[in-house]
Amino acid sequence: MQKCVKCNSSFSWSKIFKSFKWTYKPIECDICGTKHKITFFGRCTVVVLTLLPMWIFFYFLSPFDNKFLTIGVGILIAIVGFLFAPYVVRYKENS
């Protein structure tokens, strides 16, 4: 999990997850007030963790003949990837 650059306090999962909404807004440390901005690589990581597993399932691993079931499982895989993203996304100090 990401930590503050200055005071080394950890950000909560929910704080990082809430920053993903629409524009990847910066996170402010609760202890020292330092603002942290998501890196470009961090944005790419969110997209890859959400779309890549779903795409691989759709095109290569789908064992179902029913398209609705395939789409439902694919969306579930995308949601799990999106919920896992706050653990691996990196932020840098906002200059």
Protein backbone atom coordinates (compact mmCIF):
# COMPACT_ATOMS: atom_id res chain seq x y z
CA MET A 1 0.00 0.00 0.00
CA GLN A 2 1.22 3.51 -0.81
CA LYS A 3 2.72 5.65 1.96
CA CYS A 4 3.24 9.38 2.37
CA VAL A 5 6.58 10.57 1.01
CA LYS A 6 7.24 12.94 3.94
CA CYS A 7 5.84 11.30 7.08
CA ASN A 8 5.69 7.64 5.91
CA SER A 9 2.10 7.13 7.08
CA SER A 10 0.05 4.67 5.03
CA PHE A 11 -2.95 5.72 2.99
CA SER A 12 -6.08 3.70 3.51
CA TRP A 13 -7.49 1.51 0.75
CA SER A 14 -10.71 3.54 0.69
CA LYS A 15 -8.85 6.85 0.35
CA ILE A 16 -6.90 5.58 -2.66
CA PHE A 17 -10.00 3.96 -4.19
CA LYS A 18 -12.02 7.18 -3.83
CA SER A 19 -9.29 9.10 -5.66
CA PHE A 20 -9.91 6.98 -8.80
CA LYS A 21 -13.28 8.64 -9.42
CA TRP A 22 -13.40 10.33 -12.83
CA THR A 23 -10.20 12.39 -12.75
CA TYR A 24 -7.79 10.62 -10.37
CA LYS A 25 -7.87 13.47 -7.88
CA PRO A 26 -4.82 13.94 -5.60
CA ILE A 27 -4.65 12.36 -2.16
CA GLU A 28 -3.85 14.48 0.88
CA CYS A 29 -2.01 12.94 3.82
CA ASP A 30 -4.03 13.06 7.04
CA ILE A 31 -0.92 13.55 9.20
CA CYS A 32 1.22 16.16 7.39
CA GLY A 33 -1.13 17.48 4.68
CA THR A 34 1.17 16.65 1.74
CA LYS A 35 -0.69 16.16 -1.53
CA HIS A 36 0.16 13.15 -3.67
CA LYS A 37 -0.69 12.81 -7.35
CA ILE A 38 -1.10 9.52 -9.20
CA THR A 39 1.68 8.77 -11.67
CA PHE A 40 1.07 8.09 -15.35
CA PHE A 41 2.23 4.52 -14.76
CA GLY A 42 -0.28 4.29 -11.90
CA ARG A 43 -3.12 5.30 -14.23
CA CYS A 44 -2.00 2.69 -16.73
CA THR A 45 -1.89 0.11 -13.93
CA VAL A 46 -5.55 0.78 -13.04
CA VAL A 47 -6.57 0.32 -16.67
CA VAL A 48 -4.49 -2.84 -17.11
CA LEU A 49 -5.78 -4.43 -13.89
CA THR A 50 -9.35 -3.71 -14.95
CA LEU A 51 -9.42 -4.40 -18.68
CA LEU A 52 -6.64 -6.91 -19.40
CA PRO A 53 -7.99 -9.80 -17.27
CA MET A 54 -11.48 -9.22 -18.66
CA TRP A 55 -10.16 -9.16 -22.23
CA ILE A 56 -8.12 -12.34 -21.73
CA PHE A 57 -11.17 -14.08 -20.30
CA PHE A 58 -13.42 -12.95 -23.15
CA TYR A 59 -11.11 -14.00 -25.96
CA PHE A 60 -9.13 -16.94 -24.63
CA LEU A 61 -10.52 -18.52 -21.45
CA SER A 62 -14.30 -18.35 -21.72
CA PRO A 63 -15.73 -21.85 -21.20
CA PHE A 64 -19.34 -20.72 -21.59
CA ASP A 65 -21.53 -20.95 -24.69
CA ASN A 66 -23.95 -18.39 -23.23
CA LYS A 67 -22.88 -14.82 -24.14
CA PHE A 68 -24.73 -13.26 -21.20
CA LEU A 69 -22.93 -15.51 -18.72
CA THR A 70 -19.59 -14.75 -20.40
CA ILE A 71 -20.21 -11.00 -20.19
CA GLY A 72 -21.33 -11.29 -16.55
CA VAL A 73 -18.22 -13.22 -15.51
CA GLY A 74 -16.04 -10.81 -17.51
CA ILE A 75 -17.55 -7.83 -15.71
CA LEU A 76 -17.05 -9.58 -12.36
CA ILE A 77 -13.37 -10.14 -13.24
CA ALA A 78 -13.03 -6.44 -14.15
CA ILE A 79 -14.57 -5.40 -10.83
CA VAL A 80 -12.17 -7.63 -8.87
CA GLY A 81 -9.21 -6.16 -10.77
CA PHE A 82 -10.45 -2.64 -10.09
CA LEU A 83 -10.84 -3.38 -6.38
CA PHE A 84 -7.28 -4.78 -6.27
CA ALA A 85 -5.80 -1.67 -7.95
CA PRO A 86 -5.32 0.48 -4.78
CA TYR A 87 -2.76 -2.06 -3.53
CA VAL A 88 -0.43 -1.62 -6.50
CA VAL A 89 -0.99 1.96 -7.75
CA ARG A 90 1.78 4.46 -6.97
CA TYR A 91 1.54 8.16 -6.16
CA LYS A 92 4.19 10.87 -6.10
CA GLU A 93 4.38 14.11 -4.17
CA ASN A 94 2.45 16.85 -5.98
CA SER A 95 4.88 19.61 -6.90
